[in-house]
Amino acid sequence: MQDNHVKLPNLKAADAQPASNILLTLFIAAGASMAAAQDYPNKPIRVIVPLAAGGQTDVVARLLTQKLAESFRQPLVVDNRSGGGGAVGTETAVRSNPDGYTMLVAASSYAALAGKTFDVVINATSAGLTNSMPELPDNLFMPGALAYDMVYGKATPFMQYAAAQGARVADGLGMLVEQAAESFFIWRGVRPSTAPVIAALRQSA
């Protein structure tokens, strides 16, 4: 069977099995020409998570799809297809139309990163809280890549590691404030301006 899945940016996360280092990867069912099309995407994208809803992998996958939706300017709809240890969801993705509008969240070890480079790397582990570093290889970032750590308030070892390799770095403060603002909008119908809040928090840190 021809492999027509193009690997997208990766998200590192601690899964339900703490003894394992887990790499969450989005695969897109499309040829390279489709993914590079100027009008892509022009409709919602289905994201298959081959695990039950509510687990840590599902939660982190949903955080990633929110960010991708902002970049793509199209909705990303998470479709949980659990069963068979992930086989059901994976088979569903494999059999999908290879038009670029179905993605699969897959998992593997950090060792699988060796020799690969990425445009975006999101550290969703708790390593920064203990001032420790995920076991990532060097030379992980493509030129101009973004390294995003969900921990905020300090330059974490992951951010320092990424900056030393020439990547742009960002932390999770903006996400925290934006989530609070969105909740306020849902509750009160008023959307606060977040930029001054983020700036004030940066100054007080």
C-alpha atoms as a PDB file:
ATOM      1  CA  MET A   1       0.000   0.000   0.000  1.00  0.00           C
ATOM      2  CA  GLN A   2       1.354   3.400  -0.939  1.00  0.00           C
ATOM      3  CA  ASP A   3       2.081   5.679   2.023  1.00  0.00           C
ATOM      4  CA  ASN A   4       0.482   9.015   1.222  1.00  0.00           C
ATOM      5  CA  HIS A   5       0.461  10.410   4.747  1.00  0.00           C
ATOM      6  CA  VAL A   6       2.448  13.620   5.161  1.00  0.00           C
ATOM      7  CA  LYS A   7       3.771  14.201   8.680  1.00  0.00           C
ATOM      8  CA  LEU A   8       2.740  17.467  10.318  1.00  0.00           C
ATOM      9  CA  PRO A   9       4.315  19.265  13.329  1.00  0.00           C
ATOM     10  CA  ASN A  10       4.573  17.149  16.453  1.00  0.00           C
ATOM     11  CA  LEU A  11       3.353  17.534  19.995  1.00  0.00           C
ATOM     12  CA  LYS A  12       5.180  15.976  22.915  1.00  0.00           C
ATOM     13  CA  ALA A  13       3.094  14.893  25.873  1.00  0.00           C
ATOM     14  CA  ALA A  14       3.137  12.603  28.874  1.00  0.00           C
ATOM     15  CA  ASP A  15       0.540   9.933  28.195  1.00  0.00           C
ATOM     16  CA  ALA A  16      -1.446   7.818  30.628  1.00  0.00           C
ATOM     17  CA  GLN A  17       1.573   5.506  30.912  1.00  0.00           C
ATOM     18  CA  PRO A  18       4.117   7.621  32.872  1.00  0.00           C
ATOM     19  CA  ALA A  19       6.966   5.192  32.241  1.00  0.00           C
ATOM     20  CA  SER A  20       6.823   5.960  28.525  1.00  0.00           C
ATOM     21  CA  ASN A  21       7.840   9.096  26.682  1.00  0.00           C
ATOM     22  CA  ILE A  22       5.045   9.733  24.215  1.00  0.00           C
ATOM     23  CA  LEU A  23       5.150  11.682  20.985  1.00  0.00           C
ATOM     24  CA  LEU A  24       1.819  12.764  19.566  1.00  0.00           C
ATOM     25  CA  THR A  25       1.971  13.202  15.821  1.00  0.00           C
ATOM     26  CA  LEU A  26      -0.615  14.375  13.359  1.00  0.00           C
ATOM     27  CA  PHE A  27      -0.622  12.601  10.022  1.00  0.00           C
ATOM     28  CA  ILE A  28      -2.574  14.092   7.163  1.00  0.00           C
ATOM     29  CA  ALA A  29      -4.053  11.831   4.522  1.00  0.00           C
ATOM     30  CA  ALA A  30      -2.941  13.696   1.435  1.00  0.00           C
ATOM     31  CA  GLY A  31      -0.316  13.861  -1.253  1.00  0.00           C
ATOM     32  CA  ALA A  32       2.314  16.584  -0.916  1.00  0.00           C
ATOM     33  CA  SER A  33       0.766  18.499  -3.809  1.00  0.00           C
ATOM     34  CA  MET A  34      -2.613  18.621  -2.050  1.00  0.00           C
ATOM     35  CA  ALA A  35      -1.111  19.817   1.226  1.00  0.00           C
ATOM     36  CA  ALA A  36       0.774  22.548  -0.660  1.00  0.00           C
ATOM     37  CA  ALA A  37      -2.268  23.790  -2.607  1.00  0.00           C
ATOM     38  CA  GLN A  38      -2.813  27.525  -2.130  1.00  0.00           C
ATOM     39  CA  ASP A  39      -6.506  27.160  -1.282  1.00  0.00           C
ATOM     40  CA  TYR A  40      -5.934  24.334   1.221  1.00  0.00           C
ATOM     41  CA  PRO A  41      -7.844  23.910   3.417  1.00  0.00           C
ATOM     42  CA  ASN A  42     -11.172  25.224   2.159  1.00  0.00           C
ATOM     43  CA  LYS A  43     -13.453  23.087   4.331  1.00  0.00           C
ATOM     44  CA  PRO A  44     -13.440  21.540   7.839  1.00  0.00           C
ATOM     45  CA  ILE A  45     -10.796  18.891   8.633  1.00  0.00           C
ATOM     46  CA  ARG A  46     -11.534  15.662  10.483  1.00  0.00           C
ATOM     47  CA  VAL A  47      -9.011  14.707  13.182  1.00  0.00           C
ATOM     48  CA  ILE A  48      -9.196  11.061  14.253  1.00  0.00           C
ATOM     49  CA  VAL A  49      -8.022  10.309  17.801  1.00  0.00           C
ATOM     50  CA  PRO A  50      -7.782   6.505  18.117  1.00  0.00           C
ATOM     51  CA  LEU A  51      -8.459   6.639  21.880  1.00  0.00           C
ATOM     52  CA  ALA A  52     -11.463   7.401  24.091  1.00  0.00           C
ATOM     53  CA  ALA A  53     -12.522  10.986  24.720  1.00  0.00           C
ATOM     54  CA  GLY A  54     -11.425  12.635  27.961  1.00  0.00           C
ATOM     55  CA  GLY A  55      -8.009  11.025  28.326  1.00  0.00           C
ATOM     56  CA  GLN A  56      -4.799  13.025  28.391  1.00  0.00           C
ATOM     57  CA  THR A  57      -3.939  12.185  24.795  1.00  0.00           C
ATOM     58  CA  ASP A  58      -7.378  13.371  23.701  1.00  0.00           C
ATOM     59  CA  VAL A  59      -7.095  16.604  25.694  1.00  0.00           C
ATOM     60  CA  VAL A  60      -3.664  17.461  24.304  1.00  0.00           C
ATOM     61  CA  ALA A  61      -4.809  16.590  20.775  1.00  0.00           C
ATOM     62  CA  ARG A  62      -7.722  19.006  21.170  1.00  0.00           C
ATOM     63  CA  LEU A  63      -5.369  21.771  22.307  1.00  0.00           C
ATOM     64  CA  LEU A  64      -3.263  21.207  19.219  1.00  0.00           C
ATOM     65  CA  THR A  65      -6.243  21.202  16.870  1.00  0.00           C
ATOM     66  CA  GLN A  66      -7.407  24.521  18.326  1.00  0.00           C
ATOM     67  CA  LYS A  67      -4.091  26.094  17.370  1.00  0.00           C
ATOM     68  CA  LEU A  68      -4.110  24.483  13.929  1.00  0.00           C
ATOM     69  CA  ALA A  69      -7.660  25.728  13.367  1.00  0.00           C
ATOM     70  CA  GLU A  70      -6.433  29.278  13.969  1.00  0.00           C
ATOM     71  CA  SER A  71      -3.673  28.826  11.400  1.00  0.00           C
ATOM     72  CA  PHE A  72      -5.836  27.003   8.857  1.00  0.00           C
ATOM     73  CA  ARG A  73      -8.855  29.289   9.380  1.00  0.00           C
ATOM     74  CA  GLN A  74     -11.027  26.220   9.144  1.00  0.00           C
ATOM     75  CA  PRO A  75     -12.604  24.084  11.884  1.00  0.00           C
ATOM     76  CA  LEU A  76     -10.840  20.870  12.935  1.00  0.00           C
ATOM     77  CA  VAL A  77     -13.386  18.322  14.171  1.00  0.00           C
ATOM     78  CA  VAL A  78     -12.046  15.710  16.616  1.00  0.00           C
ATOM     79  CA  ASP A  79     -13.438  12.225  16.005  1.00  0.00           C
ATOM     80  CA  ASN A  80     -12.639   9.716  18.790  1.00  0.00           C
ATOM     81  CA  ARG A  81     -12.481   6.166  17.381  1.00  0.00           C
ATOM     82  CA  SER A  82     -11.297   3.956  20.226  1.00  0.00           C
ATOM     83  CA  GLY A  83     -10.857   0.194  20.175  1.00  0.00           C
ATOM     84  CA  GLY A  84      -8.242  -2.403  19.428  1.00  0.00           C
ATOM     85  CA  GLY A  85      -5.496  -0.436  21.157  1.00  0.00           C
ATOM     86  CA  GLY A  86      -5.769   2.309  18.556  1.00  0.00           C
ATOM     87  CA  ALA A  87      -6.205  -0.046  15.591  1.00  0.00           C
ATOM     88  CA  VAL A  88      -9.816   0.984  14.906  1.00  0.00           C
ATOM     89  CA  GLY A  89      -9.024   4.679  14.576  1.00  0.00           C
ATOM     90  CA  THR A  90      -5.851   4.044  12.614  1.00  0.00           C
ATOM     91  CA  GLU A  91      -7.682   1.780  10.153  1.00  0.00           C
ATOM     92  CA  THR A  92     -10.390   4.418   9.758  1.00  0.00           C
ATOM     93  CA  ALA A  93      -7.771   7.008   8.849  1.00  0.00           C
ATOM     94  CA  VAL A  94      -5.940   4.675   6.466  1.00  0.00           C
ATOM     95  CA  ARG A  95      -9.175   3.965   4.589  1.00  0.00           C
ATOM     96  CA  SER A  96     -10.164   7.624   4.386  1.00  0.00           C
ATOM     97  CA  ASN A  97     -10.131   9.589   1.162  1.00  0.00           C
ATOM     98  CA  PRO A  98      -6.525  10.876   0.704  1.00  0.00           C
ATOM     99  CA  ASP A  99      -7.692  14.426  -0.002  1.00  0.00           C
ATOM    100  CA  GLY A 100      -5.980  16.179   2.909  1.00  0.00           C
ATOM    101  CA  TYR A 101      -9.091  16.500   5.040  1.00  0.00           C
ATOM    102  CA  THR A 102      -8.540  13.614   7.437  1.00  0.00           C
ATOM    103  CA  MET A 103      -5.827  13.639  10.107  1.00  0.00           C
ATOM    104  CA  LEU A 104      -4.736  10.939  12.516  1.00  0.00           C
ATOM    105  CA  VAL A 105      -3.209  11.453  15.961  1.00  0.00           C
ATOM    106  CA  ALA A 106      -0.581   8.732  16.490  1.00  0.00           C
ATOM    107  CA  ALA A 107       1.854   7.982  19.318  1.00  0.00           C
ATOM    108  CA  SER A 108       5.467   6.812  19.443  1.00  0.00           C
ATOM    109  CA  SER A 109       8.583   7.340  21.575  1.00  0.00           C
ATOM    110  CA  TYR A 110      10.946  10.310  21.719  1.00  0.00           C
ATOM    111  CA  ALA A 111      13.563   8.094  20.077  1.00  0.00           C
ATOM    112  CA  ALA A 112      11.491   8.258  16.890  1.00  0.00           C
ATOM    113  CA  LEU A 113      12.455  11.953  16.564  1.00  0.00           C
ATOM    114  CA  ALA A 114      16.123  11.260  15.834  1.00  0.00           C
ATOM    115  CA  GLY A 115      17.125  12.648  12.461  1.00  0.00           C
ATOM    116  CA  LYS A 116      13.838  14.509  11.915  1.00  0.00           C
ATOM    117  CA  THR A 117      13.153  18.243  11.882  1.00  0.00           C
ATOM    118  CA  PHE A 118       9.922  20.165  12.473  1.00  0.00           C
ATOM    119  CA  ASP A 119       8.365  23.594  11.977  1.00  0.00           C
ATOM    120  CA  VAL A 120       6.527  23.540  15.308  1.00  0.00           C
ATOM    121  CA  VAL A 121       7.352  21.636  18.514  1.00  0.00           C
ATOM    122  CA  ILE A 122       4.977  21.953  21.482  1.00  0.00           C
ATOM    123  CA  ASN A 123       6.185  20.770  24.880  1.00  0.00           C
ATOM    124  CA  ALA A 124       3.020  19.694  26.697  1.00  0.00           C
ATOM    125  CA  THR A 125       4.831  17.741  29.407  1.00  0.00           C
ATOM    126  CA  SER A 126       5.199  18.941  33.005  1.00  0.00           C
ATOM    127  CA  ALA A 127       9.017  18.933  32.712  1.00  0.00           C
ATOM    128  CA  GLY A 128       9.279  22.712  32.959  1.00  0.00           C
ATOM    129  CA  LEU A 129       7.565  22.721  36.346  1.00  0.00           C
ATOM    130  CA  THR A 130      10.474  20.760  37.803  1.00  0.00           C
ATOM    131  CA  ASN A 131      13.095  22.606  35.756  1.00  0.00           C
ATOM    132  CA  SER A 132      13.844  19.432  33.819  1.00  0.00           C
ATOM    133  CA  MET A 133      14.097  18.689  30.128  1.00  0.00           C
ATOM    134  CA  PRO A 134      12.300  16.092  27.954  1.00  0.00           C
ATOM    135  CA  GLU A 135      14.698  13.596  26.375  1.00  0.00           C
ATOM    136  CA  LEU A 136      14.747  15.258  22.954  1.00  0.00           C
ATOM    137  CA  PRO A 137      17.539  14.929  20.374  1.00  0.00           C
ATOM    138  CA  ASP A 138      19.490  17.900  19.021  1.00  0.00           C
ATOM    139  CA  ASN A 139      18.898  19.390  15.588  1.00  0.00           C
ATOM    140  CA  LEU A 140      15.142  19.021  15.945  1.00  0.00           C
ATOM    141  CA  PHE A 141      14.111  22.401  14.523  1.00  0.00           C
ATOM    142  CA  MET A 142      13.835  23.565  10.954  1.00  0.00           C
ATOM    143  CA  PRO A 143      14.999  27.158  10.193  1.00  0.00           C
ATOM    144  CA  GLY A 144      12.450  29.604  11.587  1.00  0.00           C
ATOM    145  CA  ALA A 145      10.741  26.906  13.691  1.00  0.00           C
ATOM    146  CA  LEU A 146       8.575  27.725  16.699  1.00  0.00           C
ATOM    147  CA  ALA A 147       9.095  26.028  20.073  1.00  0.00           C
ATOM    148  CA  TYR A 148       6.086  26.368  22.373  1.00  0.00           C
ATOM    149  CA  ASP A 149       6.168  25.369  26.051  1.00  0.00           C
ATOM    150  CA  MET A 150       2.808  25.202  27.828  1.00  0.00           C
ATOM    151  CA  VAL A 151       4.549  26.080  31.115  1.00  0.00           C
ATOM    152  CA  TYR A 152       4.729  29.839  31.669  1.00  0.00           C
ATOM    153  CA  GLY A 153       6.415  32.415  33.870  1.00  0.00           C
ATOM    154  CA  LYS A 154      10.018  31.410  33.250  1.00  0.00           C
ATOM    155  CA  ALA A 155      12.435  30.337  30.540  1.00  0.00           C
ATOM    156  CA  THR A 156      12.198  26.557  30.865  1.00  0.00           C
ATOM    157  CA  PRO A 157      15.025  24.178  29.927  1.00  0.00           C
ATOM    158  CA  PHE A 158      12.998  23.250  26.834  1.00  0.00           C
ATOM    159  CA  MET A 159      12.799  26.902  25.758  1.00  0.00           C
ATOM    160  CA  GLN A 160      16.524  27.390  26.393  1.00  0.00           C
ATOM    161  CA  TYR A 161      17.303  24.228  24.432  1.00  0.00           C
ATOM    162  CA  ALA A 162      15.160  25.426  21.528  1.00  0.00           C
ATOM    163  CA  ALA A 163      16.583  28.953  21.529  1.00  0.00           C
ATOM    164  CA  ALA A 164      20.122  27.558  21.469  1.00  0.00           C
ATOM    165  CA  GLN A 165      19.185  25.777  18.236  1.00  0.00           C
ATOM    166  CA  GLY A 166      17.858  28.956  16.646  1.00  0.00           C
ATOM    167  CA  ALA A 167      14.127  28.372  17.181  1.00  0.00           C
ATOM    168  CA  ARG A 168      11.649  31.070  18.151  1.00  0.00           C
ATOM    169  CA  VAL A 169      10.238  30.366  21.622  1.00  0.00           C
ATOM    170  CA  ALA A 170       6.927  31.057  23.332  1.00  0.00           C
ATOM    171  CA  ASP A 171       5.348  29.960  26.597  1.00  0.00           C
ATOM    172  CA  GLY A 172       1.813  29.135  27.711  1.00  0.00           C
ATOM    173  CA  LEU A 173       0.905  32.462  29.328  1.00  0.00           C
ATOM    174  CA  GLY A 174      -0.980  33.729  26.293  1.00  0.00           C
ATOM    175  CA  MET A 175      -3.022  30.534  26.102  1.00  0.00           C
ATOM    176  CA  LEU A 176      -3.924  30.813  29.795  1.00  0.00           C
ATOM    177  CA  VAL A 177      -5.116  34.407  29.447  1.00  0.00           C
ATOM    178  CA  GLU A 178      -6.974  33.747  26.197  1.00  0.00           C
ATOM    179  CA  GLN A 179      -8.803  30.786  27.748  1.00  0.00           C
ATOM    180  CA  ALA A 180      -9.854  32.952  30.694  1.00  0.00           C
ATOM    181  CA  ALA A 181     -11.052  35.685  28.328  1.00  0.00           C
ATOM    182  CA  GLU A 182     -13.024  33.179  26.274  1.00  0.00           C
ATOM    183  CA  SER A 183     -14.667  31.829  29.431  1.00  0.00           C
ATOM    184  CA  PHE A 184     -15.593  35.373  30.478  1.00  0.00           C
ATOM    185  CA  PHE A 185     -17.132  35.952  27.069  1.00  0.00           C
ATOM    186  CA  ILE A 186     -19.212  32.781  27.374  1.00  0.00           C
ATOM    187  CA  TRP A 187     -20.406  33.712  30.861  1.00  0.00           C
ATOM    188  CA  ARG A 188     -20.855  37.480  30.485  1.00  0.00           C
ATOM    189  CA  GLY A 189     -21.085  38.154  26.746  1.00  0.00           C
ATOM    190  CA  VAL A 190     -18.113  40.539  26.894  1.00  0.00           C
ATOM    191  CA  ARG A 191     -14.751  39.718  25.337  1.00  0.00           C
ATOM    192  CA  PRO A 192     -11.942  41.371  27.348  1.00  0.00           C
ATOM    193  CA  SER A 193      -8.849  42.812  25.701  1.00  0.00           C
ATOM    194  CA  THR A 194      -6.081  40.343  26.505  1.00  0.00           C
ATOM    195  CA  ALA A 195      -2.941  42.149  25.319  1.00  0.00           C
ATOM    196  CA  PRO A 196      -2.745  44.535  28.335  1.00  0.00           C
ATOM    197  CA  VAL A 197      -3.303  41.630  30.736  1.00  0.00           C
ATOM    198  CA  ILE A 198      -0.524  39.573  29.174  1.00  0.00           C
ATOM    199  CA  ALA A 199       1.827  42.590  29.190  1.00  0.00           C
ATOM    200  CA  ALA A 200       1.090  43.294  32.879  1.00  0.00           C
ATOM    201  CA  LEU A 201       1.688  39.665  33.834  1.00  0.00           C
ATOM    202  CA  ARG A 202       4.988  39.685  31.953  1.00  0.00           C
ATOM    203  CA  GLN A 203       6.115  42.781  33.824  1.00  0.00           C
ATOM    204  CA  SER A 204       5.169  41.376  37.219  1.00  0.00           C
ATOM    205  CA  ALA A 205       6.881  38.026  36.632  1.00  0.00           C
END
